[in-house]
Amino acid sequence: MKMRSASIMLVAGSLGVGLGVGFQIGRGGGVLSAQVGAPAPALDGPVNPSVRKVGLVEANDAKVYDELVREYDRFKHVDRMFELVSQAVRPTVVHIVTQKTTRHEEGQRVRKFEETGSGVIVRSDKAPGLFVLTNHHVIEGGKSNRIRVFLHDGRSIIPETVWSDVMADIAVLKLDRDDLPAARLGDSDAAQIGSWVLALGSPFGLTHSVSQGIISARSRHMDELQDVENQDFLQTDAAINPGNSGGPLVNMLGEVVGINNSIASSHGGNEGVGFSIPINLARWIMNELIVHGRVARGGLGVVLDPDFRPEKAVERGLDRPRGALIERVSPDSPASRAGVRDGDVVLQFGGAAILDLNHLINAVSMSPIGQPADLVVWRDGREAKLQVTVADRERTLGPPVDRTEAARQGRSKDRPVGPTSLALGLELMSLDGDLAVGHGLPKSSRGALVVAVEAESPFAPLCRVDDVISAINDQPIQTAEEAVRFLAHEDAAPLIISLDRATNGRVERHVIRVP
């Protein structure tokens, strides 16, 4: 999902000198100042009997006020529902602090900092004991003895074991005790658009905060999260901010339906567009890590078209883009042995209708390895039924391609020639007029062109090769050297960075926050 003047931010936080983030506590819209359920106040002087005042509310008819009272009596149990869900879930929500280090300028300087996030205590149906579910990016780069889990009563625990999966951005922490409350896990497939949810966590370090909203959409995907392959996010307008990463999204039964992950924002704070990893995916990742120490993902051996547009669907006789378009079938792969061809559109897998590319990736990833699955493809204007045996993608088909590395390698033969500078795992080059035009940007553009991104860089999930750093902390950047000076400065955390990106003939401005 691409947005103009917006960015996708992972919502962990960082601790330094203060929070480094300005935010307002407020509420938009009008104000209803009425003591609902209280008697109407007496009014001085002659009054039209059909007009009554209640605080700032004027009603043209006394019946309106009476109806308001009746409606409140009918629906006041909703407040009680929010209270009960909060009481049930809050003891299971934890605050996570991870001590991390990064190296600057080819390892010459070491910067230490703390990253904070949230998590939720759960149980697994595959192993005894208690575990904390959180995001990979919350604990990434931190050793288990440098991760502290703070409970709702202020006690802290160092996890016994830590597992992590970058491709789903899920981490699991094993606790060495079994006497703590655990959250109930729900069914994210049953979560409906429009249903109420609560988001719990530690936004801006404000531990055990609760916000309320609805599920706004399902099956969201963000191109900005390049290293997260298993994407099928729930979208919510419940307030999610930096520090909420890893916290639970729960339904009105107090069941966890998602693990909060990221936000779409033009300024770094909540704008009502947050994303959560569906709990069915997170639970499967957790069980794989606990049982096997790794995630054994299924694979078909195909390359999928990420740009399946209406015109491509019409060319194949479909009324709209649906399913996943296969761009290429690898030889001697499960797909080729099943008779799948280049140009097929996968409409169903394992009996379930496929919505899009990411839906198919997740369905195949979680499919039992070595077992047959029914496949329905669209070919030559009609459906064809096939059967495919899913293979272990990493062991049979080879390891998945790192998207950041693929982007770098894809540019290697067209790589611009010139001096480069390094900082925080970024290789940068000063952008001049000719280089700007060659990358689809206005000739007047200036800044630091991203030539390569190391997999360990904190920028890896946030920016791409060919992005241009145009400003850091609201200061315009003219050269790669200027960018390096900002990035390598130990007191510059957090960094608010403006990236210019040429996409489909237009320039998008993305703002990212790097701890």
Protein backbone atom coordinates (compact mmCIF):
# COMPACT_ATOMS: atom_id res chain seq x y z
CA MET A 1 0.00 0.00 0.00
CA LYS A 2 1.63 3.22 -1.17
CA MET A 3 0.77 6.57 0.29
CA ARG A 4 1.78 10.07 -0.65
CA SER A 5 3.44 12.04 2.15
CA ALA A 6 3.11 9.17 4.55
CA SER A 7 5.29 6.42 5.91
CA ILE A 8 4.97 3.01 7.47
CA MET A 9 6.62 3.00 10.89
CA LEU A 10 7.41 0.09 13.12
CA VAL A 11 6.13 1.19 16.49
CA ALA A 12 8.85 0.30 18.93
CA GLY A 13 10.26 3.21 20.90
CA SER A 14 13.67 4.24 22.09
CA LEU A 15 14.87 5.61 25.39
CA GLY A 16 17.51 8.30 25.52
CA VAL A 17 17.50 11.81 26.90
CA GLY A 18 13.75 12.10 27.18
CA LEU A 19 11.46 10.52 24.65
CA GLY A 20 12.60 12.63 21.74
CA VAL A 21 9.01 12.71 20.48
CA GLY A 22 6.57 15.56 20.94
CA PHE A 23 2.95 14.57 21.22
CA GLN A 24 -0.33 16.08 22.21
CA ILE A 25 -2.98 14.47 24.33
CA GLY A 26 -6.28 15.64 22.95
CA ARG A 27 -9.50 14.73 21.26
CA GLY A 28 -10.82 15.95 17.95
CA GLY A 29 -14.37 16.82 17.07
CA GLY A 30 -17.03 18.61 19.04
CA VAL A 31 -17.63 18.44 22.78
CA LEU A 32 -20.76 17.01 24.33
CA SER A 33 -20.94 18.44 27.83
CA ALA A 34 -24.04 16.88 29.30
CA GLN A 35 -24.66 15.04 32.52
CA VAL A 36 -26.62 12.26 30.91
CA GLY A 37 -29.12 10.73 33.27
CA ALA A 38 -29.18 13.74 35.61
CA PRO A 39 -32.27 15.94 36.00
CA ALA A 40 -32.44 18.91 33.65
CA PRO A 41 -31.19 22.09 35.33
CA ALA A 42 -33.70 24.77 36.21
CA LEU A 43 -33.77 27.73 33.83
CA ASP A 44 -34.34 31.34 34.93
CA GLY A 45 -37.05 33.47 33.31
CA PRO A 46 -39.84 32.56 30.95
CA VAL A 47 -38.96 29.61 28.78
CA ASN A 48 -40.68 28.00 25.86
CA PRO A 49 -41.72 24.65 27.34
CA SER A 50 -40.54 22.87 24.19
CA VAL A 51 -36.93 24.04 24.69
CA ARG A 52 -34.64 22.68 27.42
CA LYS A 53 -30.92 23.25 27.99
CA VAL A 54 -28.55 20.55 29.22
CA GLY A 55 -24.98 21.86 29.48
CA LEU A 56 -23.92 22.70 25.92
CA VAL A 57 -26.66 20.60 24.37
CA GLU A 58 -29.83 22.29 23.17
CA ALA A 59 -32.83 20.17 22.34
CA ASN A 60 -35.78 21.61 20.45
CA ASP A 61 -38.09 19.18 22.12
CA ALA A 62 -38.06 17.72 25.64
CA LYS A 63 -38.59 14.30 24.08
CA VAL A 64 -35.05 14.40 22.64
CA TYR A 65 -33.52 14.63 26.11
CA ASP A 66 -35.77 11.86 27.43
CA GLU A 67 -34.76 9.66 24.49
CA LEU A 68 -31.10 10.39 25.21
CA VAL A 69 -31.56 9.15 28.77
CA ARG A 70 -33.31 5.99 27.59
CA GLU A 71 -30.59 5.24 25.01
CA TYR A 72 -27.87 5.69 27.63
CA ASP A 73 -29.60 3.21 29.91
CA ARG A 74 -29.74 0.74 27.03
CA PHE A 75 -26.09 1.05 25.99
CA LYS A 76 -24.19 1.90 29.16
CA HIS A 77 -23.18 -1.77 29.37
CA VAL A 78 -20.75 -0.99 26.50
CA ASP A 79 -18.57 1.04 28.89
CA ARG A 80 -18.66 -1.89 31.28
CA MET A 81 -17.51 -4.21 28.48
CA PHE A 82 -14.44 -2.07 27.82
CA GLU A 83 -13.69 -2.01 31.56
CA LEU A 84 -14.00 -5.78 31.93
CA VAL A 85 -11.88 -6.54 28.85
CA SER A 86 -9.18 -4.15 30.11
CA GLN A 87 -9.23 -5.73 33.57
CA ALA A 88 -8.92 -9.21 32.10
CA VAL A 89 -6.11 -8.48 29.65
CA ARG A 90 -3.95 -5.79 31.29
CA PRO A 91 -2.22 -8.21 33.74
CA THR A 92 -0.97 -10.22 30.75
CA VAL A 93 0.58 -7.22 28.93
CA VAL A 94 4.28 -6.58 29.47
CA HIS A 95 6.70 -3.74 28.80
CA ILE A 96 9.94 -4.82 27.10
CA VAL A 97 13.27 -2.96 27.27
CA THR A 98 16.11 -4.20 25.06
CA GLN A 99 19.70 -2.94 25.33
CA LYS A 100 21.19 -2.64 21.86
CA THR A 101 24.37 -1.45 20.18
CA THR A 102 25.04 -0.20 16.66
CA ARG A 103 28.35 0.44 14.95
CA HIS A 104 29.03 3.59 12.96
CA GLU A 105 31.51 4.27 10.20
CA GLU A 106 32.59 0.71 9.46
CA GLY A 107 32.67 -0.30 13.12
CA GLN A 108 34.86 2.50 14.39
CA ARG A 109 32.28 3.84 16.85
CA VAL A 110 29.80 1.99 19.03
CA ARG A 111 26.49 3.55 20.03
CA LYS A 112 24.48 2.03 22.88
CA PHE A 113 20.78 2.64 23.31
CA GLU A 114 17.63 1.04 24.68
CA GLU A 115 14.62 0.17 22.58
CA THR A 116 11.26 -0.32 24.19
CA GLY A 117 8.16 -2.15 23.11
CA SER A 118 5.31 -4.24 24.36
CA GLY A 119 4.35 -7.90 24.52
CA VAL A 120 1.71 -10.27 25.82
CA ILE A 121 2.04 -13.38 27.98
CA VAL A 122 0.51 -16.45 26.33
CA ARG A 123 0.54 -20.23 26.45
CA SER A 124 1.33 -22.57 23.58
CA ASP A 125 -0.58 -25.74 22.73
CA LYS A 126 2.75 -27.31 21.70
CA ALA A 127 4.81 -26.90 24.90
CA PRO A 128 4.24 -26.22 28.62
CA GLY A 129 5.10 -22.98 30.35
CA LEU A 130 4.63 -19.29 29.67
CA PHE A 131 5.84 -17.29 26.69
CA VAL A 132 5.80 -13.66 25.64
CA LEU A 133 4.71 -12.85 22.10
CA THR A 134 6.16 -9.64 20.66
CA ASN A 135 7.72 -8.23 17.48
CA HIS A 136 11.12 -9.24 16.13
CA HIS A 137 12.10 -5.60 15.69
CA VAL A 138 11.53 -4.93 19.42
CA ILE A 139 14.27 -7.36 20.50
CA GLU A 140 16.34 -7.47 17.28
CA GLY A 141 20.05 -7.24 18.01
CA GLY A 142 19.60 -7.77 21.75
CA LYS A 143 20.92 -10.78 23.63
CA SER A 144 18.58 -12.60 25.99
CA ASN A 145 20.45 -11.35 29.07
CA ARG A 146 19.96 -7.76 27.83
CA ILE A 147 16.20 -8.06 27.44
CA ARG A 148 14.04 -7.20 30.42
CA VAL A 149 10.34 -8.02 30.60
CA PHE A 150 8.43 -5.77 33.01
CA LEU A 151 5.18 -7.19 34.41
CA HIS A 152 2.04 -5.21 35.19
CA ASP A 153 3.00 -4.98 38.88
CA GLY A 154 6.48 -3.58 38.15
CA ARG A 155 8.51 -6.77 38.58
CA SER A 156 11.01 -7.57 35.83
CA ILE A 157 12.13 -10.89 34.31
CA ILE A 158 15.02 -11.83 32.06
CA PRO A 159 13.76 -14.34 29.47
CA GLU A 160 15.18 -17.85 29.57
CA THR A 161 15.20 -18.36 25.78
CA VAL A 162 14.57 -16.05 22.82
CA TRP A 163 13.40 -17.11 19.36
CA SER A 164 12.83 -14.73 16.48
CA ASP A 165 11.50 -14.77 12.92
CA VAL A 166 12.25 -11.71 10.79
CA MET A 167 10.03 -12.78 7.88
CA ALA A 168 6.88 -12.42 10.00
CA ASP A 169 8.38 -9.89 12.48
CA ILE A 170 7.50 -12.19 15.40
CA ALA A 171 9.63 -12.97 18.46
CA VAL A 172 8.94 -15.39 21.32
CA LEU A 173 10.45 -15.10 24.81
CA LYS A 174 10.38 -18.14 27.12
CA LEU A 175 9.80 -17.27 30.77
CA ASP A 176 11.26 -19.43 33.53
CA ARG A 177 8.09 -19.35 35.62
CA ASP A 178 4.53 -20.63 35.34
CA ASP A 179 2.61 -18.55 37.88
CA LEU A 180 1.54 -15.56 35.78
CA PRO A 181 -1.76 -14.83 34.02
CA ALA A 182 -1.81 -15.59 30.30
CA ALA A 183 -4.00 -14.01 27.65
CA ARG A 184 -6.50 -16.05 25.69
CA LEU A 185 -5.80 -16.36 21.96
CA GLY A 186 -8.73 -15.83 19.62
CA ASP A 187 -9.37 -16.57 15.94
CA SER A 188 -8.22 -13.70 13.71
CA ASP A 189 -9.99 -15.26 10.73
CA ALA A 190 -13.28 -14.60 12.52
CA ALA A 191 -12.46 -10.93 13.24
CA GLN A 192 -14.90 -8.84 11.22
CA ILE A 193 -14.44 -5.37 9.77
CA GLY A 194 -16.24 -2.90 12.03
CA SER A 195 -15.94 -4.98 15.20
CA TRP A 196 -14.66 -3.32 18.37
CA VAL A 197 -11.09 -3.93 19.52
CA LEU A 198 -8.76 -2.64 22.22
CA ALA A 199 -5.01 -2.04 21.71
CA LEU A 200 -2.83 -2.44 24.80
CA GLY A 201 0.83 -1.58 25.31
CA SER A 202 3.31 1.14 26.23
CA PRO A 203 3.01 4.05 23.77
CA PHE A 204 5.80 6.58 24.35
CA GLY A 205 6.79 4.56 27.42
CA LEU A 206 3.37 5.08 29.06
CA THR A 207 3.03 1.51 30.27
CA HIS A 208 -0.22 -0.47 30.31
CA SER A 209 -2.17 2.02 28.23
CA VAL A 210 -5.43 1.01 26.56
CA SER A 211 -6.99 2.51 23.43
CA GLN A 212 -10.25 1.62 21.71
CA GLY A 213 -11.28 1.38 18.07
CA ILE A 214 -12.55 -0.98 15.42
CA ILE A 215 -11.04 -3.29 12.84
CA SER A 216 -10.93 -0.99 9.83
CA ALA A 217 -9.79 -3.47 7.16
CA ARG A 218 -8.18 -6.85 6.62
CA SER A 219 -5.40 -8.30 4.46
CA ARG A 220 -3.32 -5.12 4.33
CA HIS A 221 0.19 -5.16 2.84
CA MET A 222 2.91 -2.48 3.05
CA ASP A 223 5.68 -2.38 0.47
CA GLU A 224 7.72 -0.31 2.92
CA LEU A 225 8.21 -3.35 5.20
CA GLN A 226 10.50 -5.04 2.71
CA ASP A 227 11.92 -7.75 4.95
CA VAL A 228 8.51 -8.87 6.27
CA GLU A 229 7.29 -11.47 3.81
CA ASN A 230 4.31 -12.88 5.71
CA GLN A 231 2.04 -9.84 5.51
CA ASP A 232 -1.70 -10.08 6.04
CA PHE A 233 -2.22 -7.24 8.49
CA LEU A 234 -5.39 -6.28 10.31
CA GLN A 235 -5.91 -2.52 10.06
CA THR A 236 -7.32 -0.68 13.07
CA ASP A 237 -8.09 2.88 14.13
CA ALA A 238 -7.34 2.06 17.78
CA ALA A 239 -4.53 4.42 18.74
CA ILE A 240 -1.15 2.76 18.14
CA ASN A 241 2.03 4.78 18.71
CA PRO A 242 5.79 4.20 19.13
CA GLY A 243 6.15 1.75 22.02
CA ASN A 244 2.99 -0.22 21.14
CA SER A 245 4.96 -2.71 19.02
CA GLY A 246 4.32 -6.28 20.16
CA GLY A 247 1.31 -5.45 22.30
CA PRO A 248 -2.01 -7.25 21.83
CA LEU A 249 -5.07 -6.23 19.85
CA VAL A 250 -8.03 -7.86 21.60
CA ASN A 251 -11.72 -8.36 20.85
CA MET A 252 -14.65 -7.83 23.20
CA LEU A 253 -14.25 -11.35 24.60
CA GLY A 254 -10.78 -10.41 25.82
CA GLU A 255 -9.17 -12.65 23.19
CA VAL A 256 -6.01 -11.62 21.36
CA VAL A 257 -6.72 -11.29 17.64
CA GLY A 258 -3.53 -9.46 16.63
CA ILE A 259 -0.03 -8.40 17.62
CA ASN A 260 0.40 -4.65 17.03
CA ASN A 261 3.19 -3.92 14.60
CA SER A 262 3.26 -0.62 12.68
CA ILE A 263 1.47 2.58 11.73
CA ALA A 264 0.97 4.68 8.62
CA SER A 265 1.86 8.23 9.55
CA SER A 266 3.00 11.48 7.95
CA HIS A 267 4.52 12.85 11.17
CA GLY A 268 5.43 9.81 13.28
CA GLY A 269 2.35 9.56 15.51
CA ASN A 270 -1.04 7.90 15.43
CA GLU A 271 -3.34 9.02 12.64
CA GLY A 272 -5.90 6.25 12.98
CA VAL A 273 -4.16 3.79 10.66
CA GLY A 274 -2.44 1.02 12.59
CA PHE A 275 -1.53 -2.53 11.62
CA SER A 276 -1.54 -5.78 13.60
CA ILE A 277 -0.23 -9.22 12.72
CA PRO A 278 -3.19 -11.67 12.77
CA ILE A 279 -2.94 -13.93 15.80
CA ASN A 280 -3.47 -17.08 13.70
CA LEU A 281 -0.24 -16.30 11.83
CA ALA A 282 1.58 -15.22 15.00
CA ARG A 283 0.49 -18.37 16.87
CA TRP A 284 1.70 -20.61 14.03
CA ILE A 285 5.07 -18.81 13.94
CA MET A 286 5.33 -19.12 17.75
CA ASN A 287 4.66 -22.86 17.73
CA GLU A 288 7.15 -23.46 14.93
CA LEU A 289 9.86 -21.57 16.83
CA ILE A 290 9.14 -23.32 20.14
CA VAL A 291 9.05 -26.83 18.66
CA HIS A 292 11.68 -26.62 15.90
CA GLY A 293 13.71 -23.51 16.72
CA ARG A 294 13.00 -22.31 13.17
CA VAL A 295 9.99 -21.71 10.96
CA ALA A 296 9.58 -24.41 8.31
CA ARG A 297 7.62 -22.59 5.60
CA GLY A 298 5.96 -24.34 2.73
CA GLY A 299 6.84 -23.43 -0.83
CA LEU A 300 5.59 -24.09 -4.36
CA GLY A 301 8.59 -22.91 -6.36
CA VAL A 302 6.92 -20.02 -8.18
CA VAL A 303 7.56 -16.31 -8.69
CA LEU A 304 4.42 -14.23 -8.18
CA ASP A 305 3.59 -11.00 -10.00
CA PRO A 306 3.47 -8.17 -7.42
CA ASP A 307 1.73 -5.85 -9.90
CA PHE A 308 -1.46 -7.75 -10.79
CA ARG A 309 -3.58 -4.91 -12.17
CA PRO A 310 -7.08 -4.83 -13.75
CA GLU A 311 -5.71 -4.80 -17.28
CA LYS A 312 -3.78 -8.02 -16.62
CA ALA A 313 -6.90 -9.63 -15.17
CA VAL A 314 -8.97 -8.63 -18.22
CA GLU A 315 -6.32 -10.06 -20.54
CA ARG A 316 -6.87 -13.42 -18.85
CA GLY A 317 -10.66 -13.26 -18.93
CA LEU A 318 -11.18 -12.30 -15.28
CA ASP A 319 -13.62 -9.56 -14.29
CA ARG A 320 -11.24 -8.13 -11.72
CA PRO A 321 -7.85 -8.83 -10.13
CA ARG A 322 -8.36 -11.72 -7.74
CA GLY A 323 -6.10 -14.54 -6.74
CA ALA A 324 -2.35 -14.48 -7.37
CA LEU A 325 -0.76 -14.27 -10.82
CA ILE A 326 2.16 -16.66 -11.38
CA GLU A 327 4.92 -14.93 -13.28
CA ARG A 328 7.28 -17.89 -13.50
CA VAL A 329 7.34 -21.54 -12.43
CA SER A 330 10.74 -22.88 -11.37
CA PRO A 331 11.81 -26.14 -13.05
CA ASP A 332 11.60 -29.33 -10.98
CA SER A 333 9.53 -27.58 -8.32
CA PRO A 334 6.32 -28.72 -6.60
CA ALA A 335 4.37 -26.38 -8.86
CA SER A 336 5.95 -27.65 -12.09
CA ARG A 337 5.37 -31.26 -11.06
CA ALA A 338 1.72 -30.42 -10.39
CA GLY A 339 1.30 -28.95 -13.87
CA VAL A 340 1.21 -25.26 -12.92
CA ARG A 341 2.20 -22.97 -15.80
CA ASP A 342 3.53 -19.45 -16.22
CA GLY A 343 0.59 -17.05 -16.42
CA ASP A 344 -1.78 -19.14 -14.30
CA VAL A 345 -3.81 -17.27 -11.69
CA VAL A 346 -4.22 -19.16 -8.41
CA LEU A 347 -7.85 -18.76 -7.35
CA GLN A 348 -7.98 -21.38 -4.58
CA PHE A 349 -5.45 -23.17 -2.41
CA GLY A 350 -6.34 -25.90 0.06
CA GLY A 351 -10.04 -25.25 -0.44
CA ALA A 352 -9.84 -21.54 0.43
CA ALA A 353 -10.39 -18.69 -2.02
CA ILE A 354 -7.17 -16.68 -2.54
CA LEU A 355 -7.57 -12.92 -2.33
CA ASP A 356 -4.15 -11.78 -3.51
CA LEU A 357 -0.42 -12.50 -3.59
CA ASN A 358 0.13 -12.09 0.15
CA HIS A 359 -2.84 -14.27 0.97
CA LEU A 360 -1.33 -17.08 -1.13
CA ILE A 361 2.13 -16.63 0.42
CA ASN A 362 0.71 -17.01 3.92
CA ALA A 363 -1.55 -19.94 2.99
CA VAL A 364 1.32 -21.87 1.40
CA SER A 365 3.76 -20.94 4.18
CA MET A 366 1.48 -22.46 6.83
CA SER A 367 0.50 -25.51 4.78
CA PRO A 368 1.76 -28.89 6.11
CA ILE A 369 4.99 -29.81 4.34
CA GLY A 370 4.91 -33.04 2.34
CA GLN A 371 1.12 -33.20 2.17
CA PRO A 372 -0.97 -32.65 -0.98
CA ALA A 373 -3.18 -29.58 -1.33
CA ASP A 374 -5.91 -28.87 -3.87
CA LEU A 375 -5.17 -26.01 -6.23
CA VAL A 376 -7.58 -24.18 -8.56
CA VAL A 377 -6.01 -21.98 -11.23
CA TRP A 378 -7.48 -19.77 -13.94
CA ARG A 379 -6.06 -20.70 -17.33
CA ASP A 380 -7.24 -19.96 -20.89
CA GLY A 381 -10.50 -18.43 -19.67
CA ARG A 382 -11.57 -21.25 -17.35
CA GLU A 383 -10.75 -22.96 -14.08
CA ALA A 384 -8.38 -25.94 -13.90
CA LYS A 385 -8.12 -28.18 -10.84
CA LEU A 386 -4.69 -29.45 -9.80
CA GLN A 387 -3.06 -31.03 -6.78
CA VAL A 388 0.31 -29.91 -5.44
CA THR A 389 2.55 -31.31 -2.69
CA VAL A 390 4.04 -28.46 -0.68
CA ALA A 391 7.80 -28.60 -0.03
CA ASP A 392 9.98 -27.10 2.69
CA ARG A 393 10.94 -23.92 0.94
CA GLU A 394 14.28 -23.39 2.65
CA ARG A 395 15.57 -26.97 2.54
CA THR A 396 14.12 -28.05 -0.80
CA LEU A 397 13.81 -24.87 -2.81
CA GLY A 398 16.69 -22.94 -1.28
CA PRO A 399 16.60 -20.05 1.21
CA PRO A 400 14.29 -17.14 0.46
CA VAL A 401 15.93 -14.15 -1.18
CA ASP A 402 16.61 -11.29 1.18
CA ARG A 403 14.60 -8.43 -0.28
CA THR A 404 17.09 -5.76 0.72
CA GLU A 405 19.98 -7.72 -0.74
CA ALA A 406 17.95 -8.45 -3.85
CA ALA A 407 17.34 -4.77 -4.34
CA ARG A 408 21.04 -4.07 -3.98
CA GLN A 409 22.04 -6.84 -6.37
CA GLY A 410 19.38 -5.79 -8.82
CA ARG A 411 21.03 -2.40 -9.06
CA SER A 412 24.61 -3.66 -9.22
CA LYS A 413 25.05 -3.45 -12.99
CA ASP A 414 23.37 -0.01 -13.10
CA ARG A 415 25.01 1.20 -9.93
CA PRO A 416 26.00 4.88 -10.24
CA VAL A 417 29.73 5.54 -10.35
CA GLY A 418 31.20 7.83 -7.74
CA PRO A 419 32.44 8.11 -4.15
CA THR A 420 30.18 6.75 -1.42
CA SER A 421 29.92 7.17 2.35
CA LEU A 422 28.81 4.72 5.04
CA ALA A 423 26.71 5.19 8.19
CA LEU A 424 24.30 2.98 10.15
CA GLY A 425 24.49 0.27 7.51
CA LEU A 426 23.67 2.65 4.64
CA GLU A 427 25.92 3.26 1.65
CA LEU A 428 25.19 6.78 0.40
CA MET A 429 26.14 8.92 -2.59
CA SER A 430 25.66 12.64 -3.07
CA LEU A 431 22.80 13.37 -5.46
CA ASP A 432 23.43 15.85 -8.30
CA GLY A 433 21.14 16.97 -11.13
CA ASP A 434 22.09 14.27 -13.63
CA LEU A 435 21.83 11.51 -11.03
CA ALA A 436 18.44 12.84 -9.90
CA VAL A 437 17.00 12.78 -13.44
CA GLY A 438 18.34 9.26 -13.95
CA HIS A 439 16.38 8.14 -10.88
CA GLY A 440 13.10 9.78 -11.88
CA LEU A 441 13.49 12.83 -9.66
CA PRO A 442 13.44 16.56 -10.55
CA LYS A 443 16.83 17.87 -11.66
CA SER A 444 16.83 20.31 -8.74
CA SER A 445 16.65 17.46 -6.20
CA ARG A 446 19.53 17.23 -3.73
CA GLY A 447 20.32 14.88 -0.90
CA ALA A 448 21.97 11.52 -0.19
CA LEU A 449 21.11 8.68 -2.58
CA VAL A 450 20.83 5.23 -0.93
CA VAL A 451 23.10 2.92 -2.93
CA ALA A 452 22.94 -0.14 -0.62
CA VAL A 453 21.35 -1.20 2.68
CA GLU A 454 22.98 -3.80 4.92
CA ALA A 455 20.65 -6.47 6.32
CA GLU A 456 21.62 -5.53 9.92
CA SER A 457 20.94 -1.82 9.41
CA PRO A 458 18.11 -0.26 11.43
CA PHE A 459 17.05 1.20 8.08
CA ALA A 460 16.62 -2.25 6.46
CA PRO A 461 12.85 -2.52 7.03
CA LEU A 462 12.24 1.17 6.41
CA CYS A 463 13.99 2.35 3.26
CA ARG A 464 15.08 1.08 -0.14
CA VAL A 465 17.90 1.33 -2.60
CA ASP A 466 17.38 4.50 -4.73
CA ASP A 467 15.61 6.38 -1.92
CA VAL A 468 16.98 9.87 -1.33
CA ILE A 469 17.52 11.26 2.17
CA SER A 470 16.39 14.86 1.73
CA ALA A 471 16.15 15.97 5.39
CA ILE A 472 17.13 14.77 8.86
CA ASN A 473 15.40 16.24 11.92
CA ASP A 474 13.94 18.95 9.63
CA GLN A 475 17.41 19.97 8.41
CA PRO A 476 17.80 19.84 4.58
CA ILE A 477 20.48 17.42 3.39
CA GLN A 478 22.57 18.41 0.35
CA THR A 479 25.27 15.72 0.26
CA ALA A 480 26.07 12.21 1.48
CA GLU A 481 28.68 13.66 3.82
CA GLU A 482 26.06 15.83 5.54
CA ALA A 483 23.82 12.79 6.01
CA VAL A 484 26.68 10.78 7.52
CA ARG A 485 27.44 13.53 10.03
CA PHE A 486 23.84 13.46 11.26
CA LEU A 487 23.51 9.68 11.29
CA ALA A 488 26.80 9.06 13.08
CA HIS A 489 26.19 11.62 15.82
CA GLU A 490 25.64 9.82 19.11
CA ASP A 491 23.22 12.45 20.44
CA ALA A 492 21.00 12.40 17.37
CA ALA A 493 18.58 9.69 18.55
CA PRO A 494 15.82 9.44 17.63
CA LEU A 495 16.22 10.51 14.01
CA ILE A 496 13.29 11.79 11.95
CA ILE A 497 14.30 11.27 8.33
CA SER A 498 12.56 12.43 5.15
CA LEU A 499 12.94 10.10 2.17
CA ASP A 500 12.05 11.00 -1.42
CA ARG A 501 11.04 8.03 -3.55
CA ALA A 502 10.21 8.00 -7.28
CA THR A 503 7.18 5.76 -7.83
CA ASN A 504 5.20 5.39 -11.06
CA GLY A 505 6.24 8.78 -12.39
CA ARG A 506 5.67 10.73 -9.18
CA VAL A 507 7.78 11.56 -6.15
CA GLU A 508 6.53 10.37 -2.77
CA ARG A 509 7.76 11.81 0.52
CA HIS A 510 8.12 9.24 3.32
CA VAL A 511 8.99 10.19 6.89
CA ILE A 512 10.62 7.50 9.03
CA ARG A 513 11.76 7.44 12.63
CA VAL A 514 14.94 5.55 13.48
CA PRO A 515 15.94 4.94 17.14
